[in-house]
PDB file of N, CA and C in Angstrom:
ATOM      1  N   UNK A   1     -59.640  25.591 113.146  1.00  0.00           N
ATOM      2  CA  UNK A   1     -60.458  24.902 113.481  1.00  0.00           C
ATOM      3  C   UNK A   1     -61.084  23.883 112.373  1.00  0.00           C
ATOM      4  N   UNK A   2     -61.310  23.118 113.025  1.00  0.00           N
ATOM      5  CA  UNK A   2     -61.668  21.751 112.363  1.00  0.00           C
ATOM      6  C   UNK A   2     -61.126  20.569 112.447  1.00  0.00           C
ATOM      7  N   UNK A   3     -61.642  19.496 111.550  1.00  0.00           N
ATOM      8  CA  UNK A   3     -61.759  17.953 112.294  1.00  0.00           C
ATOM      9  C   UNK A   3     -60.432  17.803 111.671  1.00  0.00           C
ATOM     10  N   UNK A   4     -59.198  16.593 112.726  1.00  0.00           N
ATOM     11  CA  UNK A   4     -57.860  16.594 112.337  1.00  0.00           C
ATOM     12  C   UNK A   4     -57.633  15.380 111.142  1.00  0.00           C
ATOM     13  N   UNK A   5     -58.555  14.422 111.709  1.00  0.00           N
ATOM     14  CA  UNK A   5     -59.020  13.714 110.453  1.00  0.00           C
ATOM     15  C   UNK A   5     -60.619  13.137 110.609  1.00  0.00           C
ATOM     16  N   UNK A   6     -61.070  13.235 108.569  1.00  0.00           N
ATOM     17  CA  UNK A   6     -62.482  12.687 108.085  1.00  0.00           C
ATOM     18  C   UNK A   6     -62.363  11.752 107.883  1.00  0.00           C
ATOM     19  N   UNK A   7     -63.023  10.737 107.538  1.00  0.00           N
ATOM     20  CA  UNK A   7     -63.500  10.023 106.902  1.00  0.00           C
ATOM     21  C   UNK A   7     -64.821   9.273 106.397  1.00  0.00           C
ATOM     22  N   UNK A   8     -64.058  10.303 104.654  1.00  0.00           N
ATOM     23  CA  UNK A   8     -65.834   9.845 103.793  1.00  0.00           C
ATOM     24  C   UNK A   8     -65.941   8.786 102.604  1.00  0.00           C
ATOM     25  N   UNK A   9     -66.890   8.297 103.499  1.00  0.00           N
ATOM     26  CA  UNK A   9     -67.967   6.279 102.952  1.00  0.00           C
ATOM     27  C   UNK A   9     -68.450   7.456 101.752  1.00  0.00           C
ATOM     28  N   UNK A  10     -68.943   8.388 102.114  1.00  0.00           N
ATOM     29  CA  UNK A  10     -69.851   8.529 100.500  1.00  0.00           C
ATOM     30  C   UNK A  10     -69.420   8.875  99.205  1.00  0.00           C
ATOM     31  N   UNK A  11     -68.711   9.965  99.701  1.00  0.00           N
ATOM     32  CA  UNK A  11     -68.029  10.702  97.931  1.00  0.00           C
ATOM     33  C   UNK A  11     -69.091  11.696  97.660  1.00  0.00           C
ATOM     34  N   UNK A  12     -68.871  12.186  96.470  1.00  0.00           N
ATOM     35  CA  UNK A  12     -69.712  13.307  95.846  1.00  0.00           C
ATOM     36  C   UNK A  12     -69.034  14.405  96.705  1.00  0.00           C
ATOM     37  N   UNK A  13     -70.802  15.266  97.180  1.00  0.00           N
ATOM     38  CA  UNK A  13     -70.765  16.516  97.941  1.00  0.00           C
ATOM     39  C   UNK A  13     -70.348  16.739  99.221  1.00  0.00           C
ATOM     40  N   UNK A  14     -70.080  14.727  99.530  1.00  0.00           N
ATOM     41  CA  UNK A  14     -69.794  15.016 100.864  1.00  0.00           C
ATOM     42  C   UNK A  14     -67.375  14.312 100.976  1.00  0.00           C
ATOM     43  N   UNK A  15     -67.572  14.188 100.232  1.00  0.00           N
ATOM     44  CA  UNK A  15     -65.679  14.703 100.068  1.00  0.00           C
ATOM     45  C   UNK A  15     -65.529  15.917  99.968  1.00  0.00           C
ATOM     46  N   UNK A  16     -66.148  16.988  98.993  1.00  0.00           N
ATOM     47  CA  UNK A  16     -66.167  17.896  99.338  1.00  0.00           C
ATOM     48  C   UNK A  16     -66.290  18.236 100.235  1.00  0.00           C
ATOM     49  N   UNK A  17     -67.279  18.259 101.168  1.00  0.00           N
ATOM     50  CA  UNK A  17     -67.618  18.947 102.209  1.00  0.00           C
ATOM     51  C   UNK A  17     -66.930  18.278 103.576  1.00  0.00           C
ATOM     52  N   UNK A  18     -66.041  17.400 102.594  1.00  0.00           N
ATOM     53  CA  UNK A  18     -64.772  16.894 103.934  1.00  0.00           C
ATOM     54  C   UNK A  18     -63.420  18.007 103.784  1.00  0.00           C
ATOM     55  N   UNK A  19     -63.515  17.368 102.877  1.00  0.00           N
ATOM     56  CA  UNK A  19     -62.249  18.914 102.188  1.00  0.00           C
ATOM     57  C   UNK A  19     -62.176  20.151 103.392  1.00  0.00           C
ATOM     58  N   UNK A  20     -63.866  20.767 103.252  1.00  0.00           N
ATOM     59  CA  UNK A  20     -63.465  21.880 104.036  1.00  0.00           C
ATOM     60  C   UNK A  20     -63.590  21.707 105.950  1.00  0.00           C
ATOM     61  N   UNK A  21     -64.396  20.589 106.437  1.00  0.00           N
ATOM     62  CA  UNK A  21     -64.127  20.029 107.556  1.00  0.00           C
ATOM     63  C   UNK A  21     -62.857  19.661 108.278  1.00  0.00           C
ATOM     64  N   UNK A  22     -62.303  19.740 107.192  1.00  0.00           N
ATOM     65  CA  UNK A  22     -60.912  18.782 108.021  1.00  0.00           C
ATOM     66  C   UNK A  22     -60.088  20.459 108.133  1.00  0.00           C
ATOM     67  N   UNK A  23     -59.575  20.487 109.246  1.00  0.00           N
ATOM     68  CA  UNK A  23     -58.318  21.681 110.557  1.00  0.00           C
ATOM     69  C   UNK A  23     -57.198  21.460 109.621  1.00  0.00           C
ATOM     70  N   UNK A  24     -56.727  22.801 109.056  1.00  0.00           N
ATOM     71  CA  UNK A  24     -55.331  22.904 108.492  1.00  0.00           C
ATOM     72  C   UNK A  24     -54.318  21.467 108.894  1.00  0.00           C
ATOM     73  N   UNK A  25     -53.637  20.826 108.132  1.00  0.00           N
ATOM     74  CA  UNK A  25     -53.167  19.956 108.286  1.00  0.00           C
ATOM     75  C   UNK A  25     -54.011  19.165 108.168  1.00  0.00           C
ATOM     76  N   UNK A  26     -54.639  18.864 108.332  1.00  0.00           N
ATOM     77  CA  UNK A  26     -55.609  18.181 108.494  1.00  0.00           C
ATOM     78  C   UNK A  26     -55.183  16.542 107.745  1.00  0.00           C
ATOM     79  N   UNK A  27     -56.688  15.531 107.778  1.00  0.00           N
ATOM     80  CA  UNK A  27     -56.066  14.481 107.187  1.00  0.00           C
ATOM     81  C   UNK A  27     -57.892  13.817 106.526  1.00  0.00           C
ATOM     82  N   UNK A  28     -57.511  13.601 105.163  1.00  0.00           N
ATOM     83  CA  UNK A  28     -58.886  13.550 104.993  1.00  0.00           C
ATOM     84  C   UNK A  28     -58.676  12.276 103.811  1.00  0.00           C
ATOM     85  N   UNK A  29     -59.388  11.022 104.447  1.00  0.00           N
ATOM     86  CA  UNK A  29     -59.558   9.785 103.722  1.00  0.00           C
ATOM     87  C   UNK A  29     -60.939  10.008 103.391  1.00  0.00           C
ATOM     88  N   UNK A  30     -60.770   8.434 101.580  1.00  0.00           N
ATOM     89  CA  UNK A  30     -62.286   8.459 101.000  1.00  0.00           C
ATOM     90  C   UNK A  30     -61.809   6.929 100.393  1.00  0.00           C
ATOM     91  N   UNK A  31     -63.121   6.628 100.322  1.00  0.00           N
ATOM     92  CA  UNK A  31     -62.929   5.597 100.066  1.00  0.00           C
ATOM     93  C   UNK A  31     -63.829   5.384  99.026  1.00  0.00           C
ATOM     94  N   UNK A  32     -64.144   6.352  98.570  1.00  0.00           N
ATOM     95  CA  UNK A  32     -65.173   6.754  97.626  1.00  0.00           C
ATOM     96  C   UNK A  32     -65.468   7.690  96.609  1.00  0.00           C
ATOM     97  N   UNK A  33     -64.063   8.373  96.212  1.00  0.00           N
ATOM     98  CA  UNK A  33     -63.667   9.338  95.489  1.00  0.00           C
ATOM     99  C   UNK A  33     -63.402   8.977  94.035  1.00  0.00           C
ATOM    100  N   UNK A  34     -64.960   8.376  93.618  1.00  0.00           N
ATOM    101  CA  UNK A  34     -65.070   8.206  92.053  1.00  0.00           C
ATOM    102  C   UNK A  34     -65.762   9.839  91.364  1.00  0.00           C
ATOM    103  N   UNK A  35     -64.868  10.601  91.603  1.00  0.00           N
ATOM    104  CA  UNK A  35     -66.031  11.830  90.935  1.00  0.00           C
ATOM    105  C   UNK A  35     -64.591  13.489  90.666  1.00  0.00           C
ATOM    106  N   UNK A  36     -65.686  13.810  89.922  1.00  0.00           N
ATOM    107  CA  UNK A  36     -64.349  15.657  90.088  1.00  0.00           C
ATOM    108  C   UNK A  36     -64.158  15.993  91.147  1.00  0.00           C
ATOM    109  N   UNK A  37     -63.966  16.862  91.730  1.00  0.00           N
ATOM    110  CA  UNK A  37     -63.750  17.522  93.339  1.00  0.00           C
ATOM    111  C   UNK A  37     -62.833  18.620  93.011  1.00  0.00           C
ATOM    112  N   UNK A  38     -63.303  19.963  93.814  1.00  0.00           N
ATOM    113  CA  UNK A  38     -62.587  21.041  93.389  1.00  0.00           C
ATOM    114  C   UNK A  38     -61.394  20.926  94.369  1.00  0.00           C
ATOM    115  N   UNK A  39     -60.651  20.842  94.659  1.00  0.00           N
ATOM    116  CA  UNK A  39     -59.158  19.850  95.354  1.00  0.00           C
ATOM    117  C   UNK A  39     -58.794  21.530  96.237  1.00  0.00           C
ATOM    118  N   UNK A  40     -59.311  22.806  96.188  1.00  0.00           N
ATOM    119  CA  UNK A  40     -58.447  23.752  96.544  1.00  0.00           C
ATOM    120  C   UNK A  40     -58.909  24.053  97.800  1.00  0.00           C
ATOM    121  N   UNK A  41     -59.791  23.771  98.240  1.00  0.00           N
ATOM    122  CA  UNK A  41     -59.997  24.115  99.992  1.00  0.00           C
ATOM    123  C   UNK A  41     -59.301  23.636 101.059  1.00  0.00           C
ATOM    124  N   UNK A  42     -59.312  22.288  99.932  1.00  0.00           N
ATOM    125  CA  UNK A  42     -58.009  21.781 101.248  1.00  0.00           C
ATOM    126  C   UNK A  42     -56.463  22.165 101.205  1.00  0.00           C
ATOM    127  N   UNK A  43     -56.630  22.310  99.275  1.00  0.00           N
ATOM    128  CA  UNK A  43     -55.218  22.994  99.637  1.00  0.00           C
ATOM    129  C   UNK A  43     -54.578  24.618 100.077  1.00  0.00           C
ATOM    130  N   UNK A  44     -55.680  24.525  99.945  1.00  0.00           N
ATOM    131  CA  UNK A  44     -55.512  26.492 100.314  1.00  0.00           C
ATOM    132  C   UNK A  44     -54.922  26.620 101.626  1.00  0.00           C
ATOM    133  N   UNK A  45     -55.157  24.579 102.938  1.00  0.00           N
ATOM    134  CA  UNK A  45     -55.607  24.321 103.829  1.00  0.00           C
ATOM    135  C   UNK A  45     -54.213  23.506 104.045  1.00  0.00           C
ATOM    136  N   UNK A  46     -53.380  23.177 103.283  1.00  0.00           N
ATOM    137  CA  UNK A  46     -52.391  22.116 103.683  1.00  0.00           C
ATOM    138  C   UNK A  46     -52.861  20.664 103.985  1.00  0.00           C
ATOM    139  N   UNK A  47     -54.643  20.536 103.753  1.00  0.00           N
ATOM    140  CA  UNK A  47     -55.664  19.214 103.992  1.00  0.00           C
ATOM    141  C   UNK A  47     -54.467  18.081 102.773  1.00  0.00           C
ATOM    142  N   UNK A  48     -53.793  16.855 103.750  1.00  0.00           N
ATOM    143  CA  UNK A  48     -53.786  15.720 103.084  1.00  0.00           C
ATOM    144  C   UNK A  48     -54.849  14.762 102.532  1.00  0.00           C
ATOM    145  N   UNK A  49     -55.265  13.910 101.296  1.00  0.00           N
ATOM    146  CA  UNK A  49     -56.346  13.597 100.466  1.00  0.00           C
ATOM    147  C   UNK A  49     -56.061  12.581 100.760  1.00  0.00           C
ATOM    148  N   UNK A  50     -56.323  11.218 101.131  1.00  0.00           N
ATOM    149  CA  UNK A  50     -55.794   9.543 100.946  1.00  0.00           C
ATOM    150  C   UNK A  50     -57.514   8.624 100.204  1.00  0.00           C
ATOM    151  N   UNK A  51     -56.584   7.995  98.643  1.00  0.00           N
ATOM    152  CA  UNK A  51     -58.151   7.138  98.757  1.00  0.00           C
ATOM    153  C   UNK A  51     -57.471   5.661  98.515  1.00  0.00           C
ATOM    154  N   UNK A  52     -58.601   5.253  99.865  1.00  0.00           N
ATOM    155  CA  UNK A  52     -58.838   3.963  99.923  1.00  0.00           C
ATOM    156  C   UNK A  52     -59.834   3.092  99.802  1.00  0.00           C
ATOM    157  N   UNK A  53     -59.484   2.876  98.142  1.00  0.00           N
ATOM    158  CA  UNK A  53     -59.867   0.962  97.698  1.00  0.00           C
ATOM    159  C   UNK A  53     -60.271   0.177  97.975  1.00  0.00           C
ATOM    160  N   UNK A  54     -60.883   0.190  99.095  1.00  0.00           N
ATOM    161  CA  UNK A  54     -60.784  -1.434  98.935  1.00  0.00           C
ATOM    162  C   UNK A  54     -61.851  -2.350  98.447  1.00  0.00           C
ATOM    163  N   UNK A  55     -61.512  -2.024  97.240  1.00  0.00           N
ATOM    164  CA  UNK A  55     -62.840  -3.100  95.747  1.00  0.00           C
ATOM    165  C   UNK A  55     -61.387  -4.349  96.203  1.00  0.00           C
ATOM    166  N   UNK A  56     -60.747  -4.115  95.276  1.00  0.00           N
ATOM    167  CA  UNK A  56     -60.123  -4.195  94.457  1.00  0.00           C
ATOM    168  C   UNK A  56     -59.087  -5.362  95.616  1.00  0.00           C
ATOM    169  N   UNK A  57     -58.382  -5.095  96.902  1.00  0.00           N
ATOM    170  CA  UNK A  57     -58.461  -6.742  97.540  1.00  0.00           C
ATOM    171  C   UNK A  57     -59.399  -7.174  97.965  1.00  0.00           C
ATOM    172  N   UNK A  58     -60.594  -6.841  98.015  1.00  0.00           N
ATOM    173  CA  UNK A  58     -61.658  -7.736  98.419  1.00  0.00           C
ATOM    174  C   UNK A  58     -61.648  -8.801  96.757  1.00  0.00           C
ATOM    175  N   UNK A  59     -61.453  -7.994  95.883  1.00  0.00           N
ATOM    176  CA  UNK A  59     -62.012  -9.109  94.860  1.00  0.00           C
ATOM    177  C   UNK A  59     -60.693  -9.890  94.552  1.00  0.00           C
ATOM    178  N   UNK A  60     -59.950  -9.531  94.345  1.00  0.00           N
ATOM    179  CA  UNK A  60     -58.123 -10.108  94.018  1.00  0.00           C
ATOM    180  C   UNK A  60     -57.704 -11.226  95.550  1.00  0.00           C
ATOM    181  N   UNK A  61     -57.795 -10.702  96.502  1.00  0.00           N
ATOM    182  CA  UNK A  61     -57.110 -10.579  97.553  1.00  0.00           C
ATOM    183  C   UNK A  61     -55.717  -9.950  97.844  1.00  0.00           C
ATOM    184  N   UNK A  62     -55.833  -9.646  96.937  1.00  0.00           N
ATOM    185  CA  UNK A  62     -54.206  -8.836  96.661  1.00  0.00           C
ATOM    186  C   UNK A  62     -54.303  -7.833  97.850  1.00  0.00           C
ATOM    187  N   UNK A  63     -53.386  -7.832  98.224  1.00  0.00           N
ATOM    188  CA  UNK A  63     -53.537  -6.783  99.585  1.00  0.00           C
ATOM    189  C   UNK A  63     -54.336  -6.384 100.531  1.00  0.00           C
ATOM    190  N   UNK A  64     -54.691  -7.706 100.849  1.00  0.00           N
ATOM    191  CA  UNK A  64     -56.092  -7.962 101.530  1.00  0.00           C
ATOM    192  C   UNK A  64     -56.047  -7.720 103.493  1.00  0.00           C
ATOM    193  N   UNK A  65     -54.670  -8.906 103.245  1.00  0.00           N
ATOM    194  CA  UNK A  65     -53.896  -8.794 104.581  1.00  0.00           C
ATOM    195  C   UNK A  65     -53.428  -7.505 105.226  1.00  0.00           C
ATOM    196  N   UNK A  66     -52.851  -6.763 103.977  1.00  0.00           N
ATOM    197  CA  UNK A  66     -52.745  -5.355 104.953  1.00  0.00           C
ATOM    198  C   UNK A  66     -54.249  -4.712 105.209  1.00  0.00           C
ATOM    199  N   UNK A  67     -55.636  -4.672 104.729  1.00  0.00           N
ATOM    200  CA  UNK A  67     -56.431  -3.926 105.012  1.00  0.00           C
ATOM    201  C   UNK A  67     -57.139  -4.739 106.335  1.00  0.00           C
ATOM    202  N   UNK A  68     -56.407  -6.105 106.187  1.00  0.00           N
ATOM    203  CA  UNK A  68     -56.992  -6.927 107.977  1.00  0.00           C
ATOM    204  C   UNK A  68     -56.210  -6.037 109.119  1.00  0.00           C
ATOM    205  N   UNK A  69     -54.621  -5.630 108.223  1.00  0.00           N
ATOM    206  CA  UNK A  69     -53.917  -4.403 109.319  1.00  0.00           C
ATOM    207  C   UNK A  69     -54.505  -3.301 109.922  1.00  0.00           C
ATOM    208  N   UNK A  70     -55.182  -2.820 108.964  1.00  0.00           N
ATOM    209  CA  UNK A  70     -55.910  -1.186 109.256  1.00  0.00           C
ATOM    210  C   UNK A  70     -56.998  -1.268 109.498  1.00  0.00           C
ATOM    211  N   UNK A  71     -57.905  -2.646 109.572  1.00  0.00           N
ATOM    212  CA  UNK A  71     -59.326  -2.100 110.795  1.00  0.00           C
ATOM    213  C   UNK A  71     -58.548  -3.008 111.460  1.00  0.00           C
ATOM    214  N   UNK A  72     -57.728  -4.061 112.138  1.00  0.00           N
ATOM    215  CA  UNK A  72     -57.141  -4.171 113.253  1.00  0.00           C
ATOM    216  C   UNK A  72     -56.924  -2.485 114.186  1.00  0.00           C
ATOM    217  N   UNK A  73     -56.056  -2.179 114.029  1.00  0.00           N
ATOM    218  CA  UNK A  73     -55.257  -0.706 114.253  1.00  0.00           C
ATOM    219  C   UNK A  73     -56.360  -0.195 114.419  1.00  0.00           C
ATOM    220  N   UNK A  74     -57.472   0.527 113.638  1.00  0.00           N
ATOM    221  CA  UNK A  74     -58.520   0.898 113.537  1.00  0.00           C
ATOM    222  C   UNK A  74     -59.578   1.007 115.322  1.00  0.00           C
ATOM    223  N   UNK A  75     -59.801  -0.770 115.189  1.00  0.00           N
ATOM    224  CA  UNK A  75     -60.187  -1.321 115.997  1.00  0.00           C
ATOM    225  C   UNK A  75     -60.139  -1.000 117.686  1.00  0.00           C
ATOM    226  N   UNK A  76     -57.881  -1.182 117.336  1.00  0.00           N
ATOM    227  CA  UNK A  76     -57.547  -0.415 118.791  1.00  0.00           C
ATOM    228  C   UNK A  76     -58.034   0.745 119.042  1.00  0.00           C
ATOM    229  N   UNK A  77     -57.478   1.148 118.124  1.00  0.00           N
ATOM    230  CA  UNK A  77     -57.768   3.266 118.608  1.00  0.00           C
ATOM    231  C   UNK A  77     -59.332   3.924 118.989  1.00  0.00           C
ATOM    232  N   UNK A  78     -60.219   2.858 118.258  1.00  0.00           N
ATOM    233  CA  UNK A  78     -61.387   2.864 119.352  1.00  0.00           C
ATOM    234  C   UNK A  78     -61.213   2.845 120.738  1.00  0.00           C
ATOM    235  N   UNK A  79     -61.378   0.888 120.757  1.00  0.00           N
ATOM    236  CA  UNK A  79     -61.320   0.747 121.829  1.00  0.00           C
ATOM    237  C   UNK A  79     -60.159   1.195 123.123  1.00  0.00           C
ATOM    238  N   UNK A  80     -59.327   2.327 122.812  1.00  0.00           N
ATOM    239  CA  UNK A  80     -58.455   3.111 123.138  1.00  0.00           C
ATOM    240  C   UNK A  80     -59.324   4.423 123.952  1.00  0.00           C
ATOM    241  N   UNK A  81     -60.331   4.634 122.737  1.00  0.00           N
ATOM    242  CA  UNK A  81     -61.042   5.846 123.249  1.00  0.00           C
ATOM    243  C   UNK A  81     -60.405   6.825 122.222  1.00  0.00           C
ATOM    244  N   UNK A  82     -59.244   6.285 121.095  1.00  0.00           N
ATOM    245  CA  UNK A  82     -59.430   7.604 120.477  1.00  0.00           C
ATOM    246  C   UNK A  82     -58.899   8.723 119.210  1.00  0.00           C
ATOM    247  N   UNK A  83     -59.953   7.314 118.509  1.00  0.00           N
ATOM    248  CA  UNK A  83     -61.169   7.399 118.208  1.00  0.00           C
ATOM    249  C   UNK A  83     -62.941   8.438 117.956  1.00  0.00           C
ATOM    250  N   UNK A  84     -63.643   9.240 117.736  1.00  0.00           N
ATOM    251  CA  UNK A  84     -64.585   9.872 117.934  1.00  0.00           C
ATOM    252  C   UNK A  84     -65.555   9.712 116.982  1.00  0.00           C
ATOM    253  N   UNK A  85     -66.002   9.458 116.884  1.00  0.00           N
ATOM    254  CA  UNK A  85     -66.882   9.594 116.123  1.00  0.00           C
ATOM    255  C   UNK A  85     -68.241  10.321 115.794  1.00  0.00           C
ATOM    256  N   UNK A  86     -68.769  11.485 115.239  1.00  0.00           N
ATOM    257  CA  UNK A  86     -69.754  12.720 114.619  1.00  0.00           C
ATOM    258  C   UNK A  86     -70.752  12.254 114.436  1.00  0.00           C
ATOM    259  N   UNK A  87     -71.988  11.927 115.615  1.00  0.00           N
ATOM    260  CA  UNK A  87     -72.842  11.649 115.223  1.00  0.00           C
ATOM    261  C   UNK A  87     -73.442  12.585 115.374  1.00  0.00           C
ATOM    262  N   UNK A  88     -74.959  12.516 114.620  1.00  0.00           N
ATOM    263  CA  UNK A  88     -75.807  14.196 114.390  1.00  0.00           C
ATOM    264  C   UNK A  88     -76.343  13.630 115.225  1.00  0.00           C
ATOM    265  N   UNK A  89     -77.339  14.986 116.305  1.00  0.00           N
ATOM    266  CA  UNK A  89     -78.045  14.567 117.955  1.00  0.00           C
ATOM    267  C   UNK A  89     -80.025  14.083 117.271  1.00  0.00           C
ATOM    268  N   UNK A  90     -80.076  14.037 115.940  1.00  0.00           N
ATOM    269  CA  UNK A  90     -81.146  12.964 115.791  1.00  0.00           C
ATOM    270  C   UNK A  90     -80.403  11.854 115.980  1.00  0.00           C
ATOM    271  N   UNK A  91     -81.981  10.785 116.551  1.00  0.00           N
ATOM    272  CA  UNK A  91     -81.775  10.158 116.530  1.00  0.00           C
ATOM    273  C   UNK A  91     -83.157   8.840 116.045  1.00  0.00           C
ATOM    274  N   UNK A  92     -83.646   7.876 115.371  1.00  0.00           N
ATOM    275  CA  UNK A  92     -84.629   7.710 115.164  1.00  0.00           C
ATOM    276  C   UNK A  92     -84.461   6.368 114.776  1.00  0.00           C
ATOM    277  N   UNK A  93     -86.170   6.082 115.033  1.00  0.00           N
ATOM    278  CA  UNK A  93     -86.473   4.290 115.273  1.00  0.00           C
ATOM    279  C   UNK A  93     -86.336   3.605 114.363  1.00  0.00           C
ATOM    280  N   UNK A  94     -86.447   2.320 113.853  1.00  0.00           N
ATOM    281  CA  UNK A  94     -87.030   1.885 112.257  1.00  0.00           C
ATOM    282  C   UNK A  94     -87.567   2.458 111.534  1.00  0.00           C
ATOM    283  N   UNK A  95     -88.991   2.658 112.320  1.00  0.00           N
ATOM    284  CA  UNK A  95     -90.386   3.378 111.735  1.00  0.00           C
ATOM    285  C   UNK A  95     -90.405   4.698 110.768  1.00  0.00           C
ATOM    286  N   UNK A  96     -89.439   4.938 111.314  1.00  0.00           N
ATOM    287  CA  UNK A  96     -88.676   6.544 111.392  1.00  0.00           C
ATOM    288  C   UNK A  96     -87.349   6.416 109.565  1.00  0.00           C
ATOM    289  N   UNK A  97     -87.214   5.645 109.084  1.00  0.00           N
ATOM    290  CA  UNK A  97     -86.114   5.663 108.447  1.00  0.00           C
ATOM    291  C   UNK A  97     -86.287   6.303 107.704  1.00  0.00           C
ATOM    292  N   UNK A  98     -87.420   6.881 107.127  1.00  0.00           N
ATOM    293  CA  UNK A  98     -87.322   7.801 105.761  1.00  0.00           C
ATOM    294  C   UNK A  98     -87.975   9.319 106.261  1.00  0.00           C
ATOM    295  N   UNK A  99     -87.439   9.516 107.571  1.00  0.00           N
ATOM    296  CA  UNK A  99     -87.383  10.907 108.179  1.00  0.00           C
ATOM    297  C   UNK A  99     -85.992  10.216 108.114  1.00  0.00           C
ATOM    298  N   UNK A 100     -85.002  10.003 108.659  1.00  0.00           N
ATOM    299  CA  UNK A 100     -83.856   9.827 108.560  1.00  0.00           C
ATOM    300  C   UNK A 100     -82.923  10.242 106.903  1.00  0.00           C
ATOM    301  N   UNK A 101     -83.860   9.711 106.157  1.00  0.00           N
ATOM    302  CA  UNK A 101     -83.183   9.456 104.921  1.00  0.00           C
ATOM    303  C   UNK A 101     -83.725  11.063 104.937  1.00  0.00           C
ATOM    304  N   UNK A 102     -84.703  12.146 104.714  1.00  0.00           N
ATOM    305  CA  UNK A 102     -84.744  12.772 104.507  1.00  0.00           C
ATOM    306  C   UNK A 102     -83.920  14.598 104.806  1.00  0.00           C
ATOM    307  N   UNK A 103     -83.374  13.560 106.458  1.00  0.00           N
ATOM    308  CA  UNK A 103     -82.769  14.895 106.726  1.00  0.00           C
ATOM    309  C   UNK A 103     -81.070  14.723 106.432  1.00  0.00           C
ATOM    310  N   UNK A 104     -80.766  13.342 105.990  1.00  0.00           N
ATOM    311  CA  UNK A 104     -79.468  13.450 105.100  1.00  0.00           C
ATOM    312  C   UNK A 104     -79.933  13.728 104.047  1.00  0.00           C
ATOM    313  N   UNK A 105     -80.496  13.823 103.804  1.00  0.00           N
ATOM    314  CA  UNK A 105     -80.830  14.519 101.821  1.00  0.00           C
ATOM    315  C   UNK A 105     -80.848  15.538 101.727  1.00  0.00           C
ATOM    316  N   UNK A 106     -81.882  16.242 103.018  1.00  0.00           N
ATOM    317  CA  UNK A 106     -80.794  17.294 103.159  1.00  0.00           C
ATOM    318  C   UNK A 106     -80.354  18.418 103.337  1.00  0.00           C
ATOM    319  N   UNK A 107     -79.413  17.414 103.942  1.00  0.00           N
ATOM    320  CA  UNK A 107     -77.422  18.467 104.076  1.00  0.00           C
ATOM    321  C   UNK A 107     -77.941  18.892 105.432  1.00  0.00           C
ATOM    322  N   UNK A 108     -78.710  18.604 105.894  1.00  0.00           N
ATOM    323  CA  UNK A 108     -79.212  19.710 107.475  1.00  0.00           C
ATOM    324  C   UNK A 108     -78.484  18.535 108.637  1.00  0.00           C
ATOM    325  N   UNK A 109     -77.892  17.683 107.964  1.00  0.00           N
ATOM    326  CA  UNK A 109     -77.447  16.585 109.305  1.00  0.00           C
ATOM    327  C   UNK A 109     -75.850  16.642 109.766  1.00  0.00           C
ATOM    328  N   UNK A 110     -75.079  16.751 110.680  1.00  0.00           N
ATOM    329  CA  UNK A 110     -73.840  16.735 111.134  1.00  0.00           C
ATOM    330  C   UNK A 110     -73.371  14.865 111.268  1.00  0.00           C
ATOM    331  N   UNK A 111     -72.338  14.627 110.432  1.00  0.00           N
ATOM    332  CA  UNK A 111     -72.267  13.999 111.159  1.00  0.00           C
ATOM    333  C   UNK A 111     -73.123  12.571 110.513  1.00  0.00           C
ATOM    334  N   UNK A 112     -72.645  11.311 111.163  1.00  0.00           N
ATOM    335  CA  UNK A 112     -73.469   9.582 111.044  1.00  0.00           C
ATOM    336  C   UNK A 112     -74.929  10.049 111.695  1.00  0.00           C
ATOM    337  N   UNK A 113     -75.901   9.567 111.419  1.00  0.00           N
ATOM    338  CA  UNK A 113     -77.231   9.243 111.424  1.00  0.00           C
ATOM    339  C   UNK A 113     -77.239   8.526 112.359  1.00  0.00           C
ATOM    340  N   UNK A 114     -78.252   7.673 113.317  1.00  0.00           N
ATOM    341  CA  UNK A 114     -78.381   6.642 113.719  1.00  0.00           C
ATOM    342  C   UNK A 114     -79.776   5.863 114.054  1.00  0.00           C
ATOM    343  N   UNK A 115     -80.064   4.707 113.194  1.00  0.00           N
ATOM    344  CA  UNK A 115     -81.075   4.432 113.494  1.00  0.00           C
ATOM    345  C   UNK A 115     -81.845   3.300 113.949  1.00  0.00           C
ATOM    346  N   UNK A 116     -82.245   3.027 115.478  1.00  0.00           N
ATOM    347  CA  UNK A 116     -82.321   2.261 116.044  1.00  0.00           C
ATOM    348  C   UNK A 116     -82.795   1.131 115.748  1.00  0.00           C
ATOM    349  N   UNK A 117     -82.150   0.158 115.482  1.00  0.00           N
ATOM    350  CA  UNK A 117     -83.899  -0.812 114.875  1.00  0.00           C
ATOM    351  C   UNK A 117     -83.979  -2.191 115.818  1.00  0.00           C
ATOM    352  N   UNK A 118     -83.686  -1.631 117.224  1.00  0.00           N
ATOM    353  CA  UNK A 118     -84.080  -3.085 118.211  1.00  0.00           C
ATOM    354  C   UNK A 118     -84.913  -2.143 118.459  1.00  0.00           C
TER     355      UNK A 118
END
């Protein structure tokens, strides 16, 4: 069991947890892999890890078009219903943002936490 694809945007413990959350032969992508990590949990399940470092193309312009292609493809997949976000069951209003942060910090949230700002 596990996820086919995990996209980590937080790094640190979140990246370590992503290696555990991916299914055997799954794929973990991270744009924030700036620490030391134990890759054994993913290695033991043949998980592929990719680092996507978007800062250099953003600053230099080198490779920026390629990142645009990636985002267009991700948009297409999302619009076709082929990508599903994992959302925490809790939802918060803007005035409850502190509660949302506390939930995320507690490590008890699952997926992305939604804060409705409307």
